[in-house]
Amino acid sequence: MPIRVAVAGAGSMGLNHIRVLRDFGDDIAQLVAVAEPDESARTRVADRFGVKCYADFREMIAETKPDLATVVVPTHLHFDVASHILDAGVSVLVEKPIAATAEQARKLIDLADVRGVRLAVGHVERFNPAVVELKRLLDTGGLGNIFSLLARRLGPFPPRIRDVGVILDLATHDLDVMRYLTGSDIVHVSAETQRRVHEMHEDMVLALVRFHSGAVGVLDVNWLTPTKVRELSVTGERGMYLVNYLTQDLYFFENSSAANMTSWDSTPTPIGVSEGAMTRLVVRKAEPLKLEYEDIFRAMRTDTDVTVTGRDGLAVLEVAQRLLEAANTDQLTSTPEAGR
């Protein structure tokens, strides 16, 4: 039996979800309906995809009774929409961030538990094949101890984003990936933000996070760069991995001084760092959003958990809120000459 899926929200990201769902065979998943309050958007979806559209997501859920509903609405609406759907006994994939506040996120998690349904959070970079392969390599210990992670997520300002800034909209991707790769929680944060284009929220953040493992993460995220950059580097004892999220390429830059070591800690003198070979690793490329849905379908069919749970979403949201608080505190204690 195919899993019956409904989508709430038909903006630019919602259209991506609708497209991917339509590409699944009818034996795997069936897109039963889309809810979108904007009439012109509903018309476009109906004409392009031939799917039934509703103005009200509540009516859609009541009439179609899907197995899974995807919530792709503005962040400030995540809780109202997702909580109603979960309460109806329907599993939910909610786009990141999981909710506008940690309190709302906890309520969604509790509601999913009470109703016995799944709550997945759309941290889609977790399913990027280059990230998955990097995680596999790190888990083998091939890099040794991880020293640092540097994320660069840059691009032009998207006019569609009104209710959140870059920390909640973009940096949450990298916070989730960093937690995934290190297998460690974040214990300390600091951040500097600026608002240059956005009317209400930060459109640039430079952040520093420290993990319980001792690794340090750096995030350079903005909506102010006229070209799109999506990169992550992970540096450790034996070298550095570099991920290009957009091309799904993965590179390894070897520290030749450490090529034959077993552990830095086991050597009597410091090993140091020197340039070694650069290797472009083989990654089987695929669309992360499709892989995300495959993961949810697997979990629903096998009665197991999804890869990115509501608790994962909550952990990332709590760190993002700490970054916002840290940035606001720094700005409040700075001198007037220090700028915005």
C-alpha atoms as a PDB file:
ATOM      1  CA  MET A   1       0.000   0.000   0.000  1.00  0.00           C
ATOM      2  CA  PRO A   2       1.336   3.460  -0.887  1.00  0.00           C
ATOM      3  CA  ILE A   3       1.815   6.016   1.868  1.00  0.00           C
ATOM      4  CA  ARG A   4      -0.704   8.803   1.382  1.00  0.00           C
ATOM      5  CA  VAL A   5       0.889  12.240   1.772  1.00  0.00           C
ATOM      6  CA  ALA A   6      -0.573  15.733   1.998  1.00  0.00           C
ATOM      7  CA  VAL A   7       1.380  18.996   1.851  1.00  0.00           C
ATOM      8  CA  ALA A   8       0.543  22.183   3.748  1.00  0.00           C
ATOM      9  CA  GLY A   9       2.180  25.124   1.986  1.00  0.00           C
ATOM     10  CA  ALA A  10       2.886  25.694  -1.706  1.00  0.00           C
ATOM     11  CA  GLY A  11       5.574  28.369  -1.652  1.00  0.00           C
ATOM     12  CA  SER A  12       8.961  27.832  -3.278  1.00  0.00           C
ATOM     13  CA  MET A  13      10.016  25.112  -0.827  1.00  0.00           C
ATOM     14  CA  GLY A  14       6.557  23.590  -0.831  1.00  0.00           C
ATOM     15  CA  LEU A  15       6.786  23.190  -4.601  1.00  0.00           C
ATOM     16  CA  ASN A  16      10.003  21.206  -4.139  1.00  0.00           C
ATOM     17  CA  HIS A  17       8.222  18.820  -1.806  1.00  0.00           C
ATOM     18  CA  ILE A  18       5.282  18.457  -4.183  1.00  0.00           C
ATOM     19  CA  ARG A  19       7.604  17.777  -7.134  1.00  0.00           C
ATOM     20  CA  VAL A  20       9.583  15.112  -5.269  1.00  0.00           C
ATOM     21  CA  LEU A  21       6.439  13.394  -4.009  1.00  0.00           C
ATOM     22  CA  ARG A  22       4.977  13.293  -7.517  1.00  0.00           C
ATOM     23  CA  ASP A  23       8.157  11.574  -8.734  1.00  0.00           C
ATOM     24  CA  PHE A  24       7.628   8.591  -6.429  1.00  0.00           C
ATOM     25  CA  GLY A  25       5.811   5.680  -7.996  1.00  0.00           C
ATOM     26  CA  ASP A  26       2.187   5.189  -6.977  1.00  0.00           C
ATOM     27  CA  ASP A  27       3.187   1.955  -5.282  1.00  0.00           C
ATOM     28  CA  ILE A  28       5.442   3.911  -2.881  1.00  0.00           C
ATOM     29  CA  ALA A  29       3.723   7.232  -2.180  1.00  0.00           C
ATOM     30  CA  GLN A  30       0.585   9.026  -3.285  1.00  0.00           C
ATOM     31  CA  LEU A  31       0.273  12.801  -3.115  1.00  0.00           C
ATOM     32  CA  VAL A  32      -3.367  13.197  -2.125  1.00  0.00           C
ATOM     33  CA  ALA A  33      -3.745  16.951  -1.644  1.00  0.00           C
ATOM     34  CA  VAL A  34      -2.099  20.326  -1.114  1.00  0.00           C
ATOM     35  CA  ALA A  35      -3.289  23.140   1.157  1.00  0.00           C
ATOM     36  CA  GLU A  36      -2.373  26.739   0.351  1.00  0.00           C
ATOM     37  CA  PRO A  37      -4.250  29.907   1.368  1.00  0.00           C
ATOM     38  CA  ASP A  38      -3.099  31.900  -1.676  1.00  0.00           C
ATOM     39  CA  GLU A  39      -5.551  31.345  -4.532  1.00  0.00           C
ATOM     40  CA  SER A  40      -3.080  32.001  -7.344  1.00  0.00           C
ATOM     41  CA  ALA A  41      -0.605  29.531  -5.832  1.00  0.00           C
ATOM     42  CA  ARG A  42      -3.354  26.901  -5.534  1.00  0.00           C
ATOM     43  CA  THR A  43      -4.212  27.375  -9.201  1.00  0.00           C
ATOM     44  CA  ARG A  44      -0.588  26.952 -10.266  1.00  0.00           C
ATOM     45  CA  VAL A  45      -0.233  23.750  -8.248  1.00  0.00           C
ATOM     46  CA  ALA A  46      -3.484  22.290  -9.540  1.00  0.00           C
ATOM     47  CA  ASP A  47      -2.597  23.078 -13.151  1.00  0.00           C
ATOM     48  CA  ARG A  48       0.990  21.835 -12.926  1.00  0.00           C
ATOM     49  CA  PHE A  49       0.575  18.724 -10.809  1.00  0.00           C
ATOM     50  CA  GLY A  50      -3.086  17.821 -11.212  1.00  0.00           C
ATOM     51  CA  VAL A  51      -3.560  17.476  -7.458  1.00  0.00           C
ATOM     52  CA  LYS A  52      -6.572  18.519  -5.395  1.00  0.00           C
ATOM     53  CA  CYS A  53      -5.979  21.790  -3.526  1.00  0.00           C
ATOM     54  CA  TYR A  54      -7.549  23.252  -0.410  1.00  0.00           C
ATOM     55  CA  ALA A  55      -7.516  26.750   1.010  1.00  0.00           C
ATOM     56  CA  ASP A  56      -7.594  25.413   4.588  1.00  0.00           C
ATOM     57  CA  PHE A  57      -5.195  22.703   5.788  1.00  0.00           C
ATOM     58  CA  ARG A  58      -7.704  21.626   8.457  1.00  0.00           C
ATOM     59  CA  GLU A  59     -10.285  20.794   5.816  1.00  0.00           C
ATOM     60  CA  MET A  60      -7.619  18.944   3.814  1.00  0.00           C
ATOM     61  CA  ILE A  61      -6.636  16.749   6.757  1.00  0.00           C
ATOM     62  CA  ALA A  62     -10.253  16.022   7.709  1.00  0.00           C
ATOM     63  CA  GLU A  63     -11.297  15.034   4.177  1.00  0.00           C
ATOM     64  CA  THR A  64      -8.235  13.206   2.864  1.00  0.00           C
ATOM     65  CA  LYS A  65      -7.044  11.541   6.097  1.00  0.00           C
ATOM     66  CA  PRO A  66      -3.401  11.151   4.954  1.00  0.00           C
ATOM     67  CA  ASP A  67      -0.788   8.926   6.574  1.00  0.00           C
ATOM     68  CA  LEU A  68       1.803  11.724   6.493  1.00  0.00           C
ATOM     69  CA  ALA A  69       1.545  15.490   6.153  1.00  0.00           C
ATOM     70  CA  THR A  70       4.408  17.814   5.269  1.00  0.00           C
ATOM     71  CA  VAL A  71       4.364  21.261   6.873  1.00  0.00           C
ATOM     72  CA  VAL A  72       6.030  23.855   4.635  1.00  0.00           C
ATOM     73  CA  VAL A  73       4.631  27.113   5.979  1.00  0.00           C
ATOM     74  CA  PRO A  74       6.359  30.157   7.537  1.00  0.00           C
ATOM     75  CA  THR A  75       8.150  29.326  10.788  1.00  0.00           C
ATOM     76  CA  HIS A  76       5.735  31.258  13.002  1.00  0.00           C
ATOM     77  CA  LEU A  77       2.939  28.956  11.772  1.00  0.00           C
ATOM     78  CA  HIS A  78       4.792  25.662  12.272  1.00  0.00           C
ATOM     79  CA  PHE A  79       3.330  24.983  15.693  1.00  0.00           C
ATOM     80  CA  ASP A  80      -0.305  25.763  14.862  1.00  0.00           C
ATOM     81  CA  VAL A  81      -0.281  23.674  11.693  1.00  0.00           C
ATOM     82  CA  ALA A  82       1.834  20.753  12.921  1.00  0.00           C
ATOM     83  CA  SER A  83       0.060  20.450  16.276  1.00  0.00           C
ATOM     84  CA  HIS A  84      -3.359  20.229  14.599  1.00  0.00           C
ATOM     85  CA  ILE A  85      -2.143  17.525  12.216  1.00  0.00           C
ATOM     86  CA  LEU A  86      -0.401  15.504  14.931  1.00  0.00           C
ATOM     87  CA  ASP A  87      -3.490  15.739  17.113  1.00  0.00           C
ATOM     88  CA  ALA A  88      -5.471  14.213  14.241  1.00  0.00           C
ATOM     89  CA  GLY A  89      -3.228  11.151  14.442  1.00  0.00           C
ATOM     90  CA  VAL A  90      -1.208  11.931  11.304  1.00  0.00           C
ATOM     91  CA  SER A  91       2.586  11.743  11.129  1.00  0.00           C
ATOM     92  CA  VAL A  92       4.341  15.006  10.280  1.00  0.00           C
ATOM     93  CA  LEU A  93       7.440  16.136   8.422  1.00  0.00           C
ATOM     94  CA  VAL A  94       7.933  19.763   9.441  1.00  0.00           C
ATOM     95  CA  GLU A  95      10.473  21.942   7.701  1.00  0.00           C
ATOM     96  CA  LYS A  96      13.275  23.303   9.850  1.00  0.00           C
ATOM     97  CA  PRO A  97      13.330  24.926  12.281  1.00  0.00           C
ATOM     98  CA  ILE A  98      10.921  22.613  14.073  1.00  0.00           C
ATOM     99  CA  ALA A  99       9.061  25.578  15.599  1.00  0.00           C
ATOM    100  CA  ALA A 100       9.476  29.225  16.529  1.00  0.00           C
ATOM    101  CA  THR A 101      10.329  28.458  20.172  1.00  0.00           C
ATOM    102  CA  ALA A 102      11.739  25.574  22.170  1.00  0.00           C
ATOM    103  CA  GLU A 103       8.538  25.444  24.234  1.00  0.00           C
ATOM    104  CA  GLN A 104       6.498  24.897  21.073  1.00  0.00           C
ATOM    105  CA  ALA A 105       8.943  22.227  19.903  1.00  0.00           C
ATOM    106  CA  ARG A 106       8.606  20.312  23.180  1.00  0.00           C
ATOM    107  CA  LYS A 107       4.813  20.387  22.874  1.00  0.00           C
ATOM    108  CA  LEU A 108       5.004  18.962  19.346  1.00  0.00           C
ATOM    109  CA  ILE A 109       7.308  16.169  20.516  1.00  0.00           C
ATOM    110  CA  ASP A 110       5.005  15.322  23.411  1.00  0.00           C
ATOM    111  CA  LEU A 111       1.933  15.389  21.163  1.00  0.00           C
ATOM    112  CA  ALA A 112       3.537  13.029  18.653  1.00  0.00           C
ATOM    113  CA  ASP A 113       4.417  10.643  21.487  1.00  0.00           C
ATOM    114  CA  VAL A 114       0.879  10.741  22.904  1.00  0.00           C
ATOM    115  CA  ARG A 115      -0.750  10.155  19.505  1.00  0.00           C
ATOM    116  CA  GLY A 116       1.753   7.453  18.559  1.00  0.00           C
ATOM    117  CA  VAL A 117       2.812   9.081  15.296  1.00  0.00           C
ATOM    118  CA  ARG A 118       6.154  10.191  13.879  1.00  0.00           C
ATOM    119  CA  LEU A 119       7.545  13.700  13.925  1.00  0.00           C
ATOM    120  CA  ALA A 120      10.404  14.277  11.483  1.00  0.00           C
ATOM    121  CA  VAL A 121      12.234  17.586  11.028  1.00  0.00           C
ATOM    122  CA  GLY A 122      13.435  18.704   7.606  1.00  0.00           C
ATOM    123  CA  HIS A 123      17.155  19.120   8.212  1.00  0.00           C
ATOM    124  CA  VAL A 124      17.659  17.922   4.664  1.00  0.00           C
ATOM    125  CA  GLU A 125      21.461  18.366   4.582  1.00  0.00           C
ATOM    126  CA  ARG A 126      21.643  15.314   6.837  1.00  0.00           C
ATOM    127  CA  PHE A 127      20.673  13.313   3.742  1.00  0.00           C
ATOM    128  CA  ASN A 128      23.182  14.936   1.400  1.00  0.00           C
ATOM    129  CA  PRO A 129      25.183  11.960   0.051  1.00  0.00           C
ATOM    130  CA  ALA A 130      28.492  13.805   0.599  1.00  0.00           C
ATOM    131  CA  VAL A 131      27.588  14.385   4.258  1.00  0.00           C
ATOM    132  CA  VAL A 132      26.487  10.773   4.713  1.00  0.00           C
ATOM    133  CA  GLU A 133      29.788   9.537   3.243  1.00  0.00           C
ATOM    134  CA  LEU A 134      31.767  11.956   5.402  1.00  0.00           C
ATOM    135  CA  LYS A 135      30.014  10.673   8.503  1.00  0.00           C
ATOM    136  CA  ARG A 136      30.910   7.103   7.522  1.00  0.00           C
ATOM    137  CA  LEU A 137      34.564   8.052   7.089  1.00  0.00           C
ATOM    138  CA  LEU A 138      34.719   9.952  10.376  1.00  0.00           C
ATOM    139  CA  ASP A 139      33.164   7.025  12.223  1.00  0.00           C
ATOM    140  CA  THR A 140      35.991   4.783  10.994  1.00  0.00           C
ATOM    141  CA  GLY A 141      38.452   7.052  12.813  1.00  0.00           C
ATOM    142  CA  GLY A 142      40.299   7.885   9.622  1.00  0.00           C
ATOM    143  CA  LEU A 143      40.631  11.571  10.518  1.00  0.00           C
ATOM    144  CA  GLY A 144      41.626  11.011  14.131  1.00  0.00           C
ATOM    145  CA  ASN A 145      40.419  13.568  16.631  1.00  0.00           C
ATOM    146  CA  ILE A 146      38.356  16.370  15.104  1.00  0.00           C
ATOM    147  CA  PHE A 147      39.792  19.823  15.803  1.00  0.00           C
ATOM    148  CA  SER A 148      37.410  22.161  14.010  1.00  0.00           C
ATOM    149  CA  LEU A 149      34.476  22.471  11.636  1.00  0.00           C
ATOM    150  CA  LEU A 150      33.942  25.504   9.404  1.00  0.00           C
ATOM    151  CA  ALA A 151      30.627  26.092   7.645  1.00  0.00           C
ATOM    152  CA  ARG A 152      30.116  28.726   4.951  1.00  0.00           C
ATOM    153  CA  ARG A 153      26.490  29.182   3.877  1.00  0.00           C
ATOM    154  CA  LEU A 154      26.292  32.375   1.846  1.00  0.00           C
ATOM    155  CA  GLY A 155      24.026  33.810  -0.816  1.00  0.00           C
ATOM    156  CA  PRO A 156      21.735  36.649  -1.911  1.00  0.00           C
ATOM    157  CA  PHE A 157      18.800  37.829   0.179  1.00  0.00           C
ATOM    158  CA  PRO A 158      15.591  35.812  -0.481  1.00  0.00           C
ATOM    159  CA  PRO A 159      12.568  38.166  -0.374  1.00  0.00           C
ATOM    160  CA  ARG A 160      10.321  35.201   0.547  1.00  0.00           C
ATOM    161  CA  ILE A 161      11.807  35.026   4.063  1.00  0.00           C
ATOM    162  CA  ARG A 162      10.090  37.522   6.367  1.00  0.00           C
ATOM    163  CA  ASP A 163       9.587  35.966   9.786  1.00  0.00           C
ATOM    164  CA  VAL A 164      13.084  34.731  10.683  1.00  0.00           C
ATOM    165  CA  GLY A 165      16.715  35.651  10.134  1.00  0.00           C
ATOM    166  CA  VAL A 166      19.680  33.652   8.913  1.00  0.00           C
ATOM    167  CA  ILE A 167      20.252  31.894  12.233  1.00  0.00           C
ATOM    168  CA  LEU A 168      16.917  30.089  12.212  1.00  0.00           C
ATOM    169  CA  ASP A 169      16.581  29.789   8.446  1.00  0.00           C
ATOM    170  CA  LEU A 170      20.118  28.836   7.411  1.00  0.00           C
ATOM    171  CA  ALA A 171      22.487  28.263  10.327  1.00  0.00           C
ATOM    172  CA  THR A 172      20.225  25.541  11.720  1.00  0.00           C
ATOM    173  CA  HIS A 173      21.310  23.366   8.764  1.00  0.00           C
ATOM    174  CA  ASP A 174      24.952  23.594   9.781  1.00  0.00           C
ATOM    175  CA  LEU A 175      24.315  23.224  13.497  1.00  0.00           C
ATOM    176  CA  ASP A 176      22.479  19.977  12.800  1.00  0.00           C
ATOM    177  CA  VAL A 177      25.203  18.641  10.477  1.00  0.00           C
ATOM    178  CA  MET A 178      27.947  19.541  12.954  1.00  0.00           C
ATOM    179  CA  ARG A 179      26.147  17.724  15.784  1.00  0.00           C
ATOM    180  CA  TYR A 180      25.652  14.735  13.484  1.00  0.00           C
ATOM    181  CA  LEU A 181      29.289  14.562  12.361  1.00  0.00           C
ATOM    182  CA  THR A 182      30.832  15.053  15.808  1.00  0.00           C
ATOM    183  CA  GLY A 183      28.276  12.975  17.689  1.00  0.00           C
ATOM    184  CA  SER A 184      28.573  15.630  20.371  1.00  0.00           C
ATOM    185  CA  ASP A 185      26.381  18.332  21.903  1.00  0.00           C
ATOM    186  CA  ILE A 186      27.238  22.030  21.856  1.00  0.00           C
ATOM    187  CA  VAL A 187      28.247  23.379  25.273  1.00  0.00           C
ATOM    188  CA  HIS A 188      29.214  26.992  24.516  1.00  0.00           C
ATOM    189  CA  VAL A 189      28.248  29.583  21.890  1.00  0.00           C
ATOM    190  CA  SER A 190      29.133  33.134  20.901  1.00  0.00           C
ATOM    191  CA  ALA A 191      27.935  35.163  17.944  1.00  0.00           C
ATOM    192  CA  GLU A 192      28.009  38.484  16.136  1.00  0.00           C
ATOM    193  CA  THR A 193      25.123  39.471  13.878  1.00  0.00           C
ATOM    194  CA  GLN A 194      24.251  42.335  11.560  1.00  0.00           C
ATOM    195  CA  ARG A 195      21.109  43.490   9.769  1.00  0.00           C
ATOM    196  CA  ARG A 196      21.820  45.187   6.450  1.00  0.00           C
ATOM    197  CA  VAL A 197      18.965  44.219   4.111  1.00  0.00           C
ATOM    198  CA  HIS A 198      16.323  42.378   6.128  1.00  0.00           C
ATOM    199  CA  GLU A 199      13.671  44.632   7.623  1.00  0.00           C
ATOM    200  CA  MET A 200      13.386  42.895  11.011  1.00  0.00           C
ATOM    201  CA  HIS A 201      15.928  40.095  11.490  1.00  0.00           C
ATOM    202  CA  GLU A 202      19.651  39.443  11.206  1.00  0.00           C
ATOM    203  CA  ASP A 203      20.927  38.719   7.707  1.00  0.00           C
ATOM    204  CA  MET A 204      24.494  37.912   8.755  1.00  0.00           C
ATOM    205  CA  VAL A 205      25.956  35.836  11.563  1.00  0.00           C
ATOM    206  CA  LEU A 206      29.492  34.881  12.467  1.00  0.00           C
ATOM    207  CA  ALA A 207      29.273  32.301  15.224  1.00  0.00           C
ATOM    208  CA  LEU A 208      31.589  30.158  17.304  1.00  0.00           C
ATOM    209  CA  VAL A 209      30.405  26.970  19.007  1.00  0.00           C
ATOM    210  CA  ARG A 210      32.291  24.540  21.202  1.00  0.00           C
ATOM    211  CA  PHE A 211      31.332  20.878  21.403  1.00  0.00           C
ATOM    212  CA  HIS A 212      31.508  18.620  24.425  1.00  0.00           C
ATOM    213  CA  SER A 213      34.106  16.605  22.497  1.00  0.00           C
ATOM    214  CA  GLY A 214      36.419  19.645  22.464  1.00  0.00           C
ATOM    215  CA  ALA A 215      35.965  20.397  18.761  1.00  0.00           C
ATOM    216  CA  VAL A 216      35.208  23.983  17.746  1.00  0.00           C
ATOM    217  CA  GLY A 217      32.699  24.971  15.073  1.00  0.00           C
ATOM    218  CA  VAL A 218      32.693  28.218  13.102  1.00  0.00           C
ATOM    219  CA  LEU A 219      29.664  29.397  11.125  1.00  0.00           C
ATOM    220  CA  ASP A 220      29.845  32.091   8.452  1.00  0.00           C
ATOM    221  CA  VAL A 221      26.261  32.563   7.263  1.00  0.00           C
ATOM    222  CA  ASN A 222      24.629  35.447   5.429  1.00  0.00           C
ATOM    223  CA  TRP A 223      22.123  36.707   2.875  1.00  0.00           C
ATOM    224  CA  LEU A 224      24.556  39.396   1.690  1.00  0.00           C
ATOM    225  CA  THR A 225      26.775  37.510  -0.777  1.00  0.00           C
ATOM    226  CA  PRO A 226      26.004  37.794  -4.515  1.00  0.00           C
ATOM    227  CA  THR A 227      26.903  34.159  -5.170  1.00  0.00           C
ATOM    228  CA  LYS A 228      25.680  30.984  -3.499  1.00  0.00           C
ATOM    229  CA  VAL A 229      28.227  29.135  -1.354  1.00  0.00           C
ATOM    230  CA  ARG A 230      27.491  25.956   0.603  1.00  0.00           C
ATOM    231  CA  GLU A 231      30.656  24.434   2.053  1.00  0.00           C
ATOM    232  CA  LEU A 232      31.814  22.599   5.148  1.00  0.00           C
ATOM    233  CA  SER A 233      35.356  21.705   6.137  1.00  0.00           C
ATOM    234  CA  VAL A 234      36.295  19.319   8.943  1.00  0.00           C
ATOM    235  CA  THR A 235      39.875  19.415  10.188  1.00  0.00           C
ATOM    236  CA  GLY A 236      41.457  16.738  12.348  1.00  0.00           C
ATOM    237  CA  GLU A 237      44.725  14.986  13.148  1.00  0.00           C
ATOM    238  CA  ARG A 238      45.197  13.343   9.766  1.00  0.00           C
ATOM    239  CA  GLY A 239      44.016  16.131   7.488  1.00  0.00           C
ATOM    240  CA  MET A 240      40.903  17.943   6.328  1.00  0.00           C
ATOM    241  CA  TYR A 241      37.682  16.930   4.580  1.00  0.00           C
ATOM    242  CA  LEU A 242      35.873  19.485   2.425  1.00  0.00           C
ATOM    243  CA  VAL A 243      32.205  19.119   1.433  1.00  0.00           C
ATOM    244  CA  ASN A 244      30.506  21.091  -1.318  1.00  0.00           C
ATOM    245  CA  TYR A 245      26.815  20.712  -0.477  1.00  0.00           C
ATOM    246  CA  LEU A 246      25.670  22.015  -3.872  1.00  0.00           C
ATOM    247  CA  THR A 247      27.715  19.659  -6.053  1.00  0.00           C
ATOM    248  CA  GLN A 248      27.812  16.839  -3.470  1.00  0.00           C
ATOM    249  CA  ASP A 249      31.571  16.639  -3.888  1.00  0.00           C
ATOM    250  CA  LEU A 250      33.817  15.442  -1.056  1.00  0.00           C
ATOM    251  CA  TYR A 251      37.584  16.039  -0.911  1.00  0.00           C
ATOM    252  CA  PHE A 252      40.293  14.906   1.485  1.00  0.00           C
ATOM    253  CA  PHE A 253      43.481  16.938   2.042  1.00  0.00           C
ATOM    254  CA  GLU A 254      46.039  14.732   3.724  1.00  0.00           C
ATOM    255  CA  ASN A 255      48.329  15.771   6.539  1.00  0.00           C
ATOM    256  CA  SER A 256      51.367  13.849   5.290  1.00  0.00           C
ATOM    257  CA  SER A 257      53.148  14.248   8.644  1.00  0.00           C
ATOM    258  CA  ALA A 258      50.443  12.145  10.250  1.00  0.00           C
ATOM    259  CA  ALA A 259      49.849   9.676   7.420  1.00  0.00           C
ATOM    260  CA  ASN A 260      51.299   6.664   9.248  1.00  0.00           C
ATOM    261  CA  MET A 261      50.556   7.524  12.849  1.00  0.00           C
ATOM    262  CA  THR A 262      48.197   5.626  15.106  1.00  0.00           C
ATOM    263  CA  SER A 263      47.491   8.514  17.482  1.00  0.00           C
ATOM    264  CA  TRP A 264      48.947  11.931  18.203  1.00  0.00           C
ATOM    265  CA  ASP A 265      48.757  11.138  21.881  1.00  0.00           C
ATOM    266  CA  SER A 266      50.961   8.056  21.462  1.00  0.00           C
ATOM    267  CA  THR A 267      53.919   9.927  19.946  1.00  0.00           C
ATOM    268  CA  PRO A 268      56.738  11.278  22.167  1.00  0.00           C
ATOM    269  CA  THR A 269      57.082  14.503  20.152  1.00  0.00           C
ATOM    270  CA  PRO A 270      54.561  16.681  18.298  1.00  0.00           C
ATOM    271  CA  ILE A 271      53.886  15.405  14.785  1.00  0.00           C
ATOM    272  CA  GLY A 272      53.006  18.700  13.170  1.00  0.00           C
ATOM    273  CA  VAL A 273      51.235  19.345   9.895  1.00  0.00           C
ATOM    274  CA  SER A 274      52.491  19.253   6.319  1.00  0.00           C
ATOM    275  CA  GLU A 275      50.800  19.250   2.943  1.00  0.00           C
ATOM    276  CA  GLY A 276      49.968  15.866   1.464  1.00  0.00           C
ATOM    277  CA  ALA A 277      47.855  14.405  -1.307  1.00  0.00           C
ATOM    278  CA  MET A 278      44.428  15.753  -2.242  1.00  0.00           C
ATOM    279  CA  THR A 279      41.826  13.117  -3.074  1.00  0.00           C
ATOM    280  CA  ARG A 280      38.397  13.598  -4.614  1.00  0.00           C
ATOM    281  CA  LEU A 281      36.313  10.842  -3.090  1.00  0.00           C
ATOM    282  CA  VAL A 282      33.606   8.952  -4.933  1.00  0.00           C
ATOM    283  CA  VAL A 283      30.101   9.943  -3.833  1.00  0.00           C
ATOM    284  CA  ARG A 284      26.963   8.481  -5.366  1.00  0.00           C
ATOM    285  CA  LYS A 285      24.886  11.606  -5.919  1.00  0.00           C
ATOM    286  CA  ALA A 286      21.159  11.795  -5.253  1.00  0.00           C
ATOM    287  CA  GLU A 287      18.523  14.352  -4.298  1.00  0.00           C
ATOM    288  CA  PRO A 288      18.608  14.813  -0.502  1.00  0.00           C
ATOM    289  CA  LEU A 289      14.896  15.643  -0.277  1.00  0.00           C
ATOM    290  CA  LYS A 290      13.997  12.360  -1.980  1.00  0.00           C
ATOM    291  CA  LEU A 291      16.297  10.491   0.414  1.00  0.00           C
ATOM    292  CA  GLU A 292      14.639  12.263   3.330  1.00  0.00           C
ATOM    293  CA  TYR A 293      11.226  11.010   2.237  1.00  0.00           C
ATOM    294  CA  GLU A 294      12.574   7.502   1.691  1.00  0.00           C
ATOM    295  CA  ASP A 295      13.834   7.563   5.280  1.00  0.00           C
ATOM    296  CA  ILE A 296      10.412   8.594   6.603  1.00  0.00           C
ATOM    297  CA  PHE A 297       8.593   5.998   4.488  1.00  0.00           C
ATOM    298  CA  ARG A 298      10.997   3.317   5.763  1.00  0.00           C
ATOM    299  CA  ALA A 299      10.352   4.339   9.358  1.00  0.00           C
ATOM    300  CA  MET A 300       6.576   4.272   8.876  1.00  0.00           C
ATOM    301  CA  ARG A 301       6.620   0.862   7.191  1.00  0.00           C
ATOM    302  CA  THR A 302       9.008  -0.786   9.648  1.00  0.00           C
ATOM    303  CA  ASP A 303       7.679   0.917  12.778  1.00  0.00           C
ATOM    304  CA  THR A 304      11.096   2.414  13.542  1.00  0.00           C
ATOM    305  CA  ASP A 305      12.297   5.947  14.177  1.00  0.00           C
ATOM    306  CA  VAL A 306      13.146   8.522  11.545  1.00  0.00           C
ATOM    307  CA  THR A 307      16.730   9.709  11.177  1.00  0.00           C
ATOM    308  CA  VAL A 308      16.061  13.342  12.136  1.00  0.00           C
ATOM    309  CA  THR A 309      13.644  13.281  15.050  1.00  0.00           C
ATOM    310  CA  GLY A 310      11.741  16.001  16.815  1.00  0.00           C
ATOM    311  CA  ARG A 311      14.318  15.838  19.595  1.00  0.00           C
ATOM    312  CA  ASP A 312      17.078  16.505  17.060  1.00  0.00           C
ATOM    313  CA  GLY A 313      15.111  19.512  15.858  1.00  0.00           C
ATOM    314  CA  LEU A 314      14.666  20.737  19.419  1.00  0.00           C
ATOM    315  CA  ALA A 315      18.384  20.413  20.193  1.00  0.00           C
ATOM    316  CA  VAL A 316      19.276  22.504  17.136  1.00  0.00           C
ATOM    317  CA  LEU A 317      16.595  25.100  17.885  1.00  0.00           C
ATOM    318  CA  GLU A 318      17.865  25.512  21.452  1.00  0.00           C
ATOM    319  CA  VAL A 319      21.388  26.207  20.172  1.00  0.00           C
ATOM    320  CA  ALA A 320      20.057  28.653  17.563  1.00  0.00           C
ATOM    321  CA  GLN A 321      18.185  30.542  20.270  1.00  0.00           C
ATOM    322  CA  ARG A 322      21.339  30.639  22.368  1.00  0.00           C
ATOM    323  CA  LEU A 323      23.176  32.171  19.411  1.00  0.00           C
ATOM    324  CA  LEU A 324      20.491  34.841  19.088  1.00  0.00           C
ATOM    325  CA  GLU A 325      20.683  35.564  22.811  1.00  0.00           C
ATOM    326  CA  ALA A 326      24.491  35.720  22.715  1.00  0.00           C
ATOM    327  CA  ALA A 327      24.442  38.143  19.797  1.00  0.00           C
ATOM    328  CA  ASN A 328      21.836  40.354  21.466  1.00  0.00           C
ATOM    329  CA  THR A 329      23.769  40.362  24.728  1.00  0.00           C
ATOM    330  CA  ASP A 330      26.985  41.372  22.968  1.00  0.00           C
ATOM    331  CA  GLN A 331      25.206  44.187  21.173  1.00  0.00           C
ATOM    332  CA  LEU A 332      23.591  45.463  24.363  1.00  0.00           C
ATOM    333  CA  THR A 333      26.934  45.609  26.164  1.00  0.00           C
ATOM    334  CA  SER A 334      28.875  47.195  23.251  1.00  0.00           C
ATOM    335  CA  THR A 335      29.627  50.894  23.052  1.00  0.00           C
ATOM    336  CA  PRO A 336      27.422  53.117  20.851  1.00  0.00           C
ATOM    337  CA  GLU A 337      30.344  53.586  18.439  1.00  0.00           C
ATOM    338  CA  ALA A 338      30.509  49.834  17.874  1.00  0.00           C
ATOM    339  CA  GLY A 339      27.628  50.018  15.385  1.00  0.00           C
ATOM    340  CA  ARG A 340      24.501  47.943  14.949  1.00  0.00           C
END
